Protein backbone atom coordinates (compact mmCIF):
# COMPACT_ATOMS: atom_id res chain seq x y z
CA UNK A 1 14.83 -2.31 140.14
CA UNK A 2 18.37 -3.08 138.97
CA UNK A 3 19.26 -3.81 135.36
CA UNK A 4 20.36 -7.32 136.42
CA UNK A 5 16.91 -8.12 137.85
CA UNK A 6 15.18 -6.67 134.78
CA UNK A 7 17.38 -8.81 132.51
CA UNK A 8 16.61 -11.91 134.55
CA UNK A 9 12.87 -11.21 134.41
CA UNK A 10 13.06 -10.69 130.66
CA UNK A 11 14.97 -13.95 130.19
CA UNK A 12 12.57 -15.95 132.37
CA UNK A 13 9.65 -14.28 130.62
CA UNK A 14 10.93 -15.52 127.26
CA UNK A 15 11.19 -19.01 128.78
CA UNK A 16 7.53 -18.69 129.78
CA UNK A 17 6.59 -17.87 126.20
CA UNK A 18 8.59 -20.82 124.89
CA UNK A 19 6.97 -23.08 127.46
CA UNK A 20 3.47 -22.01 126.40
CA UNK A 21 4.35 -22.46 122.73
CA UNK A 22 5.67 -25.95 123.43
CA UNK A 23 2.32 -26.79 125.06
CA UNK A 24 0.50 -25.64 121.92
CA UNK A 25 -0.92 -22.58 123.70
CA UNK A 26 -1.14 -19.66 121.28
CA UNK A 27 -3.64 -17.48 123.15
CA UNK A 28 -3.52 -17.39 126.94
CA UNK A 29 -4.89 -15.61 129.97
CA UNK A 30 -2.97 -14.12 132.88
CA UNK A 31 -4.27 -17.02 134.99
CA UNK A 32 -2.80 -19.56 132.56
CA UNK A 33 0.52 -17.72 132.60
CA UNK A 34 0.49 -17.72 136.40
CA UNK A 35 -0.04 -21.50 136.44
CA UNK A 36 2.94 -22.03 134.12
CA UNK A 37 5.25 -19.46 135.73
CA UNK A 38 6.71 -21.77 138.44
CA UNK A 39 7.73 -24.30 135.79
CA UNK A 40 10.16 -21.79 134.27
CA UNK A 41 11.32 -20.27 137.55
CA UNK A 42 9.20 -17.12 137.33
CA UNK A 43 7.89 -15.92 140.68
CA UNK A 44 4.24 -14.90 140.79
CA UNK A 45 5.11 -11.46 142.17
CA UNK A 46 6.99 -10.66 138.96
CA UNK A 47 4.48 -12.12 136.48
CA UNK A 48 2.75 -8.86 135.50
CA UNK A 49 6.10 -7.11 135.13
CA UNK A 50 7.33 -9.97 132.94
CA UNK A 51 4.23 -9.76 130.76
CA UNK A 52 4.78 -6.03 130.39
CA UNK A 53 8.36 -6.60 129.16
CA UNK A 54 7.23 -9.39 126.82
CA UNK A 55 4.70 -7.04 125.26
CA UNK A 56 7.18 -4.18 124.97
CA UNK A 57 9.76 -6.45 123.33
CA UNK A 58 7.30 -7.92 120.83
CA UNK A 59 6.94 -11.45 122.21
CA UNK A 60 3.23 -11.24 123.05
CA UNK A 61 0.26 -9.19 121.85
CA UNK A 62 -2.43 -7.98 124.28
CA UNK A 63 -5.95 -8.73 123.04
CA UNK A 64 -8.09 -7.58 125.93
CA UNK A 65 -7.51 -7.18 129.65
CA UNK A 66 -5.86 -10.35 130.93
CA UNK A 67 -5.72 -11.99 127.48
CA UNK A 68 -2.66 -12.31 125.23
CA UNK A 69 -1.54 -13.96 122.00
CA UNK A 70 1.92 -15.21 121.16
CA UNK A 71 3.55 -12.97 118.56
CA UNK A 72 4.85 -14.29 115.25
CA UNK A 73 8.35 -13.56 116.55
CA UNK A 74 8.16 -16.63 118.81
CA UNK A 75 10.19 -19.41 117.12
CA UNK A 76 8.07 -22.26 115.76
CA UNK A 77 4.78 -20.43 116.26
CA UNK A 78 2.59 -19.71 113.24
CA UNK A 79 0.86 -16.32 113.25
CA UNK A 80 -2.40 -16.38 115.18
CA UNK A 81 -5.32 -16.04 112.76
CA UNK A 82 -7.84 -13.26 113.31
CA UNK A 83 -10.66 -15.83 113.49
CA UNK A 84 -8.79 -17.58 116.31
CA UNK A 85 -8.58 -14.27 118.13
CA UNK A 86 -12.32 -13.76 117.64
CA UNK A 87 -13.02 -17.03 119.45
CA UNK A 88 -11.00 -15.84 122.44
CA UNK A 89 -12.40 -12.32 122.69
CA UNK A 90 -15.96 -13.28 123.55
CA UNK A 91 -18.01 -16.38 124.35
CA UNK A 92 -20.10 -17.65 122.75
CA UNK A 93 -18.69 -16.60 119.39
CA UNK A 94 -19.07 -17.51 115.75
CA UNK A 95 -17.46 -15.84 112.76
CA UNK A 96 -20.46 -14.54 110.86
CA UNK A 97 -22.07 -12.13 108.40
CA UNK A 98 -19.67 -10.64 105.83
CA UNK A 99 -16.69 -12.63 107.15
CA UNK A 100 -18.62 -15.90 106.87
CA UNK A 101 -19.91 -14.94 103.42
CA UNK A 102 -16.33 -14.52 102.24
CA UNK A 103 -15.19 -17.78 103.88
CA UNK A 104 -18.01 -19.75 102.23
CA UNK A 105 -17.26 -18.22 98.83
CA UNK A 106 -20.54 -16.31 98.68
CA UNK A 107 -18.83 -12.99 97.96
CA UNK A 108 -15.56 -11.85 96.46
CA UNK A 109 -15.55 -8.71 98.56
CA UNK A 110 -13.14 -8.89 101.49
CA UNK A 111 -14.57 -7.27 104.63
CA UNK A 112 -12.40 -4.79 106.50
CA UNK A 113 -13.61 -6.02 109.89
CA UNK A 114 -14.03 -9.51 111.29
CA UNK A 115 -17.72 -10.00 112.03
CA UNK A 116 -18.47 -12.05 115.12
CA UNK A 117 -21.89 -13.29 116.19
CA UNK A 118 -22.41 -13.45 119.94
CA UNK A 119 -25.24 -13.13 122.43
CA UNK A 120 -26.63 -10.03 124.09
CA UNK A 121 -25.65 -11.30 127.53
CA UNK A 122 -22.02 -12.09 126.62
CA UNK A 123 -19.16 -10.31 128.37
CA UNK A 124 -17.81 -7.95 125.74
CA UNK A 125 -14.36 -6.40 125.38
CA UNK A 126 -14.52 -2.75 126.36
CA UNK A 127 -14.71 -0.43 123.38
CA UNK A 128 -13.56 3.13 124.00
CA UNK A 129 -16.42 5.55 123.55
CA UNK A 130 -19.05 2.85 123.01
CA UNK A 131 -22.41 2.99 124.77
CA UNK A 132 -23.71 0.01 126.69
CA UNK A 133 -26.77 0.05 124.41
CA UNK A 134 -24.73 -0.37 121.22
CA UNK A 135 -25.54 -3.58 119.34
CA UNK A 136 -22.57 -3.53 117.02
CA UNK A 137 -19.13 -2.34 118.09
CA UNK A 138 -15.68 -2.17 116.51
CA UNK A 139 -12.85 -3.47 118.68
CA UNK A 140 -9.18 -3.41 117.64
CA UNK A 141 -6.99 -6.32 118.73
CA UNK A 142 -4.04 -8.20 117.28
CA UNK A 143 -3.89 -6.03 114.18
CA UNK A 144 -7.55 -6.60 113.22
CA UNK A 145 -10.83 -4.87 113.99
CA UNK A 146 -13.71 -7.00 115.24
CA UNK A 147 -17.36 -6.13 114.79
CA UNK A 148 -19.57 -7.89 117.33
CA UNK A 149 -23.17 -8.54 116.33
CA UNK A 150 -25.21 -9.38 119.39
CA UNK A 151 -28.42 -11.39 119.25
CA UNK A 152 -30.84 -12.94 121.68
CA UNK A 153 -29.43 -16.29 122.92
CA UNK A 154 -32.35 -18.04 121.19
CA UNK A 155 -30.99 -16.78 117.87
CA UNK A 156 -27.50 -18.17 118.38
CA UNK A 157 -27.76 -21.28 116.19
CA UNK A 158 -26.73 -22.50 112.75
CA UNK A 159 -22.99 -22.84 113.36
CA UNK A 160 -20.30 -25.33 112.36
CA UNK A 161 -16.72 -26.09 113.31
CA UNK A 162 -14.05 -25.35 110.68
CA UNK A 163 -10.27 -25.43 110.63
CA UNK A 164 -8.35 -22.25 109.90
CA UNK A 165 -4.70 -23.24 109.77
CA UNK A 166 -3.92 -24.76 113.18
CA UNK A 167 -7.05 -23.37 114.83
CA UNK A 168 -10.54 -24.83 115.06
CA UNK A 169 -13.10 -22.04 115.02
CA UNK A 170 -16.87 -21.69 115.03
CA UNK A 171 -18.45 -20.30 111.86
CA UNK A 172 -22.05 -19.70 110.86
CA UNK A 173 -22.94 -22.24 108.18
CA UNK A 174 -23.88 -21.02 104.68
CA UNK A 175 -27.62 -21.09 105.30
CA UNK A 176 -27.39 -19.22 108.60
CA UNK A 177 -25.06 -16.72 106.95
CA UNK A 178 -27.66 -16.00 104.27
CA UNK A 179 -30.38 -15.61 106.90
CA UNK A 180 -28.20 -13.09 108.73
CA UNK A 181 -27.87 -11.23 105.44
CA UNK A 182 -31.66 -10.92 105.12
CA UNK A 183 -31.92 -9.64 108.67
CA UNK A 184 -28.86 -7.38 108.80
CA UNK A 185 -27.59 -6.70 105.26
CA UNK A 186 -25.47 -3.75 106.41
CA UNK A 187 -23.19 -6.31 108.10
CA UNK A 188 -22.85 -8.24 104.84
CA UNK A 189 -21.94 -5.43 102.44
CA UNK A 190 -25.46 -4.46 101.41
CA UNK A 191 -28.70 -6.09 100.32
CA UNK A 192 -27.57 -6.38 96.70
CA UNK A 193 -24.56 -8.38 97.89
CA UNK A 194 -26.86 -10.64 99.91
CA UNK A 195 -29.03 -11.32 96.85
CA UNK A 196 -25.89 -12.14 94.88
CA UNK A 197 -24.84 -14.55 97.63
CA UNK A 198 -28.16 -16.38 97.30
CA UNK A 199 -27.55 -16.78 93.57
CA UNK A 200 -24.06 -18.15 94.22
CA UNK A 201 -25.38 -20.67 96.75
CA UNK A 202 -28.51 -21.56 94.78
CA UNK A 203 -27.39 -24.98 93.47
CA UNK A 204 -26.12 -26.12 96.87
CA UNK A 205 -28.74 -24.48 99.06
CA UNK A 206 -30.18 -26.72 101.78
CA UNK A 207 -33.79 -25.61 101.49
CA UNK A 208 -35.11 -27.44 104.54
CA UNK A 209 -32.35 -26.02 106.70
CA UNK A 210 -32.63 -22.41 105.58
CA UNK A 211 -36.44 -22.45 105.82
CA UNK A 212 -36.21 -23.85 109.34
CA UNK A 213 -33.69 -21.14 110.27
CA UNK A 214 -35.90 -18.37 108.90
CA UNK A 215 -38.98 -19.57 110.78
CA UNK A 216 -36.96 -19.78 114.00
CA UNK A 217 -35.70 -16.23 113.38
CA UNK A 218 -38.85 -14.14 112.88
CA UNK A 219 -41.79 -13.55 110.56
CA UNK A 220 -40.17 -10.75 108.58
CA UNK A 221 -37.11 -12.86 107.79
CA UNK A 222 -39.32 -15.79 106.78
CA UNK A 223 -41.26 -13.62 104.32
CA UNK A 224 -38.08 -12.10 102.88
CA UNK A 225 -36.65 -15.58 102.38
CA UNK A 226 -39.85 -16.76 100.66
CA UNK A 227 -39.73 -13.83 98.23
CA UNK A 228 -36.04 -14.41 97.45
CA UNK A 229 -36.45 -18.17 96.97
CA UNK A 230 -39.38 -17.63 94.61
CA UNK A 231 -37.25 -15.22 92.57
CA UNK A 232 -34.63 -17.97 92.35
CA UNK A 233 -37.22 -20.36 90.89
CA UNK A 234 -37.95 -22.41 94.00
CA UNK A 235 -41.53 -23.70 93.94
CA UNK A 236 -43.97 -25.33 96.36
CA UNK A 237 -44.09 -27.39 98.50
CA UNK A 238 -40.88 -25.86 99.86
CA UNK A 239 -42.46 -22.42 100.12
CA UNK A 240 -45.64 -23.50 101.90
CA UNK A 241 -44.08 -23.36 105.37
CA UNK A 242 -42.96 -19.78 104.73
CA UNK A 243 -46.31 -18.73 103.29
CA UNK A 244 -48.15 -19.89 106.40
CA UNK A 245 -45.93 -17.92 108.82
CA UNK A 246 -48.24 -15.29 110.38
CA UNK A 247 -47.26 -11.64 110.05
CA UNK A 248 -49.04 -8.34 110.61
CA UNK A 249 -48.55 -5.73 107.92
CA UNK A 250 -46.09 -5.40 105.06
CA UNK A 251 -42.34 -5.59 105.72
CA UNK A 252 -39.71 -4.03 103.49
CA UNK A 253 -37.55 -6.46 101.57
CA UNK A 254 -34.36 -4.54 102.34
CA UNK A 255 -34.53 -3.60 106.03
CA UNK A 256 -31.96 -0.83 105.47
CA UNK A 257 -33.90 0.79 102.60
CA UNK A 258 -36.72 3.29 102.43
CA UNK A 259 -40.32 2.22 102.83
CA UNK A 260 -41.37 2.63 99.22
CA UNK A 261 -41.95 0.41 96.21
CA UNK A 262 -44.57 -2.12 95.04
CA UNK A 263 -46.18 -4.43 97.58
CA UNK A 264 -46.21 -8.18 97.05
CA UNK A 265 -49.40 -9.36 98.73
CA UNK A 266 -48.45 -13.02 98.48
CA UNK A 267 -45.40 -12.49 100.71
CA UNK A 268 -46.53 -9.34 102.51
CA UNK A 269 -43.30 -7.75 101.30
CA UNK A 270 -42.74 -4.22 100.03
CA UNK A 271 -40.12 -4.60 97.31
CA UNK A 272 -37.97 -1.55 97.98
CA UNK A 273 -35.19 -2.39 95.52
CA UNK A 274 -33.64 0.05 93.03
CA UNK A 275 -35.54 -0.08 89.77
CA UNK A 276 -38.60 -1.63 91.45
CA UNK A 277 -39.86 1.31 93.45
CA UNK A 278 -42.80 2.28 91.30
CA UNK A 279 -46.28 2.43 92.75
């Protein structure tokens, strides 16, 4: 291919980027680029080559196969937020766990990865070296690392729409975020950080909502929530629904901790917290 043709492709490719930006498209697929290509004089046969040059020259950023984001170098385009990228990487998707805790002001710790809640049957970006049985993977894209937490589709609930700059993204609401912390504290810092988050949210906690979420989740989560709420000073009748949730055997309060510590018969919880592990 001659230098003249390469230069022409590069120039037309830049026009494609400008066209997408003018349409308000910040993240796009190869199919979307192909639809727009004729409008800027780019032949379909040269599209992939043009995208390659745009990437090499810093105009676009590849996110996953067939998915790109406009780079900050594009005039008039604000940098694409990592939460916006999360929405494009997998569907359904909701920013969750530690990332949601930080967004809602429930923790001052800033997570290194962006945590994304999705379903077990979602099409996931390929992660080098990951096994198909992995439930939580790290995937690098657009300068960030995304941790996907997969759940049964029946557990994908408790989300809200929020604005992050120019992007509208899906986020787990505060109550769902706290429930996720009780179920998977390792994705929220640790269990101590989850307990702190409950204290921060205490005055604004929607008790009916969080109790409903816990019951929909599973028995162990419901009992953990009941124990935590009682420690926060919440009294009946709010706790009655949680008390009546059936469960077989004691469950540890911190699911990542050792099975040791005093047993709370009222909640069928083994309190395996530091300083409370006596017989």
